[in-house]
């Protein structure tokens, strides 16, 4: 059974939770924006270069989300520094 969390551990858990929420929002907004842009691009016959630009922006946001999620996971699974 684990002992009670110390104040720094509670602070880090709160920061990790806030970052996880931010990651969730970024993923949701990215996917909605990307799908919306693809639809608008098809409706208005935008050149393919704009679709590729939207794709690259979405990929960048997903890579950022993956990196931040991995860092949160590493922090939570790291052995405590006692």
N, C-alpha and C. Protein backbone atom coordinates (compact mmCIF):
# COMPACT_ATOMS: atom_id res chain seq x y z
N UNK A 1 0.84 -1.18 0.00
CA UNK A 1 0.00 0.00 0.00
C UNK A 1 0.89 1.24 0.00
N UNK A 2 0.52 2.22 -0.79
CA UNK A 2 1.34 3.42 -0.92
C UNK A 2 1.00 4.44 0.15
N UNK A 3 2.04 5.12 0.64
CA UNK A 3 1.84 6.16 1.64
C UNK A 3 1.20 7.38 0.99
N UNK A 4 0.78 8.30 1.81
CA UNK A 4 0.18 9.53 1.29
C UNK A 4 1.17 10.30 0.44
N UNK A 5 0.64 11.05 -0.52
CA UNK A 5 1.48 11.83 -1.41
C UNK A 5 1.98 13.08 -0.70
N UNK A 6 3.21 13.43 -0.99
CA UNK A 6 3.76 14.66 -0.44
C UNK A 6 3.28 15.84 -1.27
N UNK A 7 3.52 17.03 -0.77
CA UNK A 7 3.09 18.24 -1.47
C UNK A 7 3.70 18.36 -2.88
N UNK A 8 5.03 18.13 -3.04
CA UNK A 8 5.59 18.19 -4.39
C UNK A 8 4.99 17.14 -5.33
N UNK A 9 4.69 15.96 -4.81
CA UNK A 9 4.08 14.92 -5.64
C UNK A 9 2.68 15.34 -6.08
N UNK A 10 1.92 15.96 -5.17
CA UNK A 10 0.58 16.45 -5.52
C UNK A 10 0.67 17.55 -6.57
N UNK A 11 1.65 18.44 -6.42
CA UNK A 11 1.83 19.51 -7.41
C UNK A 11 2.16 18.93 -8.78
N UNK A 12 3.06 17.95 -8.82
CA UNK A 12 3.44 17.34 -10.10
C UNK A 12 2.27 16.60 -10.72
N UNK A 13 1.47 15.93 -9.89
CA UNK A 13 0.29 15.22 -10.40
C UNK A 13 -0.70 16.21 -10.99
N UNK A 14 -0.88 17.35 -10.33
CA UNK A 14 -1.79 18.37 -10.85
C UNK A 14 -1.26 18.94 -12.18
N UNK A 15 0.04 19.16 -12.27
CA UNK A 15 0.64 19.66 -13.51
C UNK A 15 0.49 18.64 -14.64
N UNK A 16 0.73 17.36 -14.31
CA UNK A 16 0.58 16.31 -15.31
C UNK A 16 -0.86 16.21 -15.79
N UNK A 17 -1.80 16.34 -14.88
CA UNK A 17 -3.21 16.28 -15.27
C UNK A 17 -3.58 17.44 -16.18
N UNK A 18 -3.07 18.63 -15.87
CA UNK A 18 -3.34 19.79 -16.71
C UNK A 18 -2.73 19.60 -18.11
N UNK A 19 -1.52 19.07 -18.16
CA UNK A 19 -0.89 18.82 -19.46
C UNK A 19 -1.65 17.75 -20.25
N UNK A 20 -2.14 16.74 -19.56
CA UNK A 20 -2.90 15.69 -20.24
C UNK A 20 -4.19 16.26 -20.82
N UNK A 21 -4.85 17.16 -20.09
CA UNK A 21 -6.05 17.81 -20.62
C UNK A 21 -5.71 18.65 -21.84
N UNK A 22 -4.58 19.37 -21.79
CA UNK A 22 -4.15 20.17 -22.93
C UNK A 22 -3.90 19.28 -24.15
N UNK A 23 -3.26 18.14 -23.94
CA UNK A 23 -3.01 17.21 -25.03
C UNK A 23 -4.33 16.75 -25.64
N UNK A 24 -5.30 16.43 -24.80
CA UNK A 24 -6.61 15.99 -25.29
C UNK A 24 -7.28 17.07 -26.13
N UNK A 25 -7.20 18.31 -25.68
CA UNK A 25 -7.80 19.42 -26.43
C UNK A 25 -7.07 19.62 -27.76
N UNK A 26 -5.75 19.55 -27.74
CA UNK A 26 -4.97 19.73 -28.98
C UNK A 26 -5.32 18.63 -29.99
N UNK A 27 -5.44 17.40 -29.54
CA UNK A 27 -5.79 16.31 -30.44
C UNK A 27 -7.18 16.52 -31.03
N UNK A 28 -8.15 16.86 -30.19
CA UNK A 28 -9.52 17.06 -30.67
C UNK A 28 -9.61 18.23 -31.65
N UNK A 29 -9.01 19.36 -31.30
CA UNK A 29 -9.06 20.53 -32.18
C UNK A 29 -8.31 20.26 -33.49
N UNK A 30 -7.19 19.57 -33.40
CA UNK A 30 -6.43 19.24 -34.60
C UNK A 30 -7.25 18.39 -35.55
N UNK A 31 -7.88 17.36 -35.04
CA UNK A 31 -8.65 16.48 -35.91
C UNK A 31 -9.86 17.20 -36.50
N UNK A 32 -10.57 17.97 -35.69
CA UNK A 32 -11.72 18.72 -36.21
C UNK A 32 -11.28 19.75 -37.24
N UNK A 33 -10.19 20.46 -36.96
CA UNK A 33 -9.68 21.45 -37.90
C UNK A 33 -9.21 20.81 -39.19
N UNK A 34 -8.51 19.69 -39.07
CA UNK A 34 -8.01 19.00 -40.26
C UNK A 34 -9.16 18.48 -41.13
N UNK A 35 -10.14 17.85 -40.48
CA UNK A 35 -11.30 17.36 -41.24
C UNK A 35 -12.06 18.52 -41.88
N UNK A 36 -12.24 19.60 -41.13
CA UNK A 36 -12.93 20.77 -41.67
C UNK A 36 -12.19 21.37 -42.85
N UNK A 37 -10.88 21.46 -42.74
CA UNK A 37 -10.10 22.02 -43.84
C UNK A 37 -10.16 21.13 -45.07
N UNK A 38 -10.13 19.82 -44.86
CA UNK A 38 -10.23 18.91 -46.00
C UNK A 38 -11.58 19.08 -46.70
N UNK A 39 -12.64 19.24 -45.92
CA UNK A 39 -13.96 19.42 -46.49
C UNK A 39 -14.05 20.74 -47.25
N UNK A 40 -13.58 21.82 -46.62
CA UNK A 40 -13.61 23.14 -47.27
C UNK A 40 -12.76 23.12 -48.54
N UNK A 41 -11.61 22.51 -48.47
CA UNK A 41 -10.74 22.42 -49.64
C UNK A 41 -11.41 21.71 -50.80
N UNK A 42 -12.18 20.68 -50.50
CA UNK A 42 -12.90 19.97 -51.55
C UNK A 42 -14.05 20.78 -52.11
N UNK A 43 -14.72 21.54 -51.24
CA UNK A 43 -15.85 22.34 -51.68
C UNK A 43 -15.43 23.50 -52.57
N UNK A 44 -14.30 24.11 -52.28
CA UNK A 44 -13.85 25.30 -53.00
C UNK A 44 -12.70 25.02 -53.97
N UNK A 45 -12.41 23.77 -54.22
CA UNK A 45 -11.35 23.37 -55.14
C UNK A 45 -10.03 24.09 -54.88
N UNK A 46 -9.61 24.08 -53.62
CA UNK A 46 -8.32 24.68 -53.27
C UNK A 46 -7.20 23.83 -53.85
N UNK A 47 -6.09 24.44 -54.18
CA UNK A 47 -4.95 23.67 -54.72
C UNK A 47 -4.46 22.63 -53.69
N UNK A 48 -3.94 21.52 -54.18
CA UNK A 48 -3.46 20.46 -53.27
C UNK A 48 -2.37 20.93 -52.30
N UNK A 49 -1.62 21.96 -52.66
CA UNK A 49 -0.56 22.41 -51.75
C UNK A 49 -1.13 22.84 -50.40
N UNK A 50 -2.36 23.36 -50.38
CA UNK A 50 -2.97 23.75 -49.12
C UNK A 50 -3.39 22.52 -48.30
N UNK A 51 -3.81 21.49 -48.98
CA UNK A 51 -4.14 20.24 -48.28
C UNK A 51 -2.88 19.66 -47.64
N UNK A 52 -1.77 19.70 -48.37
CA UNK A 52 -0.51 19.20 -47.81
C UNK A 52 -0.06 20.05 -46.63
N UNK A 53 -0.28 21.35 -46.71
CA UNK A 53 0.06 22.24 -45.60
C UNK A 53 -0.77 21.89 -44.37
N UNK A 54 -2.06 21.65 -44.56
CA UNK A 54 -2.92 21.25 -43.45
C UNK A 54 -2.48 19.90 -42.88
N UNK A 55 -2.10 18.99 -43.76
CA UNK A 55 -1.61 17.68 -43.32
C UNK A 55 -0.36 17.83 -42.46
N UNK A 56 0.57 18.65 -42.91
CA UNK A 56 1.81 18.85 -42.15
C UNK A 56 1.54 19.49 -40.79
N UNK A 57 0.63 20.44 -40.76
CA UNK A 57 0.28 21.08 -39.48
C UNK A 57 -0.36 20.06 -38.53
N UNK A 58 -1.23 19.20 -39.06
CA UNK A 58 -1.86 18.18 -38.23
C UNK A 58 -0.83 17.16 -37.73
N UNK A 59 0.10 16.78 -38.60
CA UNK A 59 1.15 15.85 -38.19
C UNK A 59 2.02 16.46 -37.10
N UNK A 60 2.34 17.73 -37.23
CA UNK A 60 3.16 18.41 -36.21
C UNK A 60 2.43 18.43 -34.87
N UNK A 61 1.14 18.72 -34.89
CA UNK A 61 0.36 18.74 -33.64
C UNK A 61 0.30 17.35 -33.02
N UNK A 62 0.16 16.32 -33.84
CA UNK A 62 0.11 14.95 -33.31
C UNK A 62 1.46 14.51 -32.75
N UNK A 63 2.53 14.91 -33.39
CA UNK A 63 3.86 14.58 -32.86
C UNK A 63 4.07 15.28 -31.53
N UNK A 64 3.68 16.55 -31.44
CA UNK A 64 3.80 17.28 -30.18
C UNK A 64 2.99 16.57 -29.09
N UNK A 65 1.77 16.16 -29.42
CA UNK A 65 0.91 15.46 -28.45
C UNK A 65 1.54 14.15 -28.00
N UNK A 66 2.13 13.43 -28.94
CA UNK A 66 2.78 12.17 -28.60
C UNK A 66 3.96 12.39 -27.67
N UNK A 67 4.78 13.39 -27.96
CA UNK A 67 5.95 13.68 -27.12
C UNK A 67 5.53 14.09 -25.71
N UNK A 68 4.55 14.96 -25.61
CA UNK A 68 4.10 15.41 -24.28
C UNK A 68 3.49 14.24 -23.51
N UNK A 69 2.70 13.42 -24.17
CA UNK A 69 2.10 12.25 -23.50
C UNK A 69 3.19 11.29 -23.03
N UNK A 70 4.20 11.07 -23.86
CA UNK A 70 5.30 10.18 -23.48
C UNK A 70 6.03 10.73 -22.26
N UNK A 71 6.26 12.05 -22.22
CA UNK A 71 6.94 12.65 -21.07
C UNK A 71 6.12 12.52 -19.80
N UNK A 72 4.80 12.71 -19.90
CA UNK A 72 3.92 12.52 -18.73
C UNK A 72 4.01 11.08 -18.25
N UNK A 73 3.93 10.15 -19.19
CA UNK A 73 4.00 8.73 -18.83
C UNK A 73 5.32 8.40 -18.14
N UNK A 74 6.44 8.93 -18.67
CA UNK A 74 7.74 8.67 -18.07
C UNK A 74 7.82 9.22 -16.63
N UNK A 75 7.30 10.44 -16.45
CA UNK A 75 7.33 11.04 -15.10
C UNK A 75 6.50 10.23 -14.12
N UNK A 76 5.35 9.76 -14.55
CA UNK A 76 4.48 9.01 -13.64
C UNK A 76 5.03 7.63 -13.31
N UNK A 77 5.79 7.05 -14.21
CA UNK A 77 6.33 5.71 -13.99
C UNK A 77 7.76 5.71 -13.46
N UNK A 78 8.32 6.89 -13.29
CA UNK A 78 9.69 6.97 -12.79
C UNK A 78 9.71 6.59 -11.29
N UNK A 79 10.76 5.91 -10.88
CA UNK A 79 10.87 5.61 -9.44
C UNK A 79 11.02 6.91 -8.67
N UNK A 80 10.40 6.96 -7.51
CA UNK A 80 10.47 8.20 -6.72
C UNK A 80 11.90 8.44 -6.22
N UNK A 81 12.23 9.69 -6.11
CA UNK A 81 13.59 10.13 -5.71
C UNK A 81 13.64 10.31 -4.19
N UNK A 82 13.76 9.24 -3.45
CA UNK A 82 13.76 9.35 -1.97
C UNK A 82 15.12 9.22 -1.41
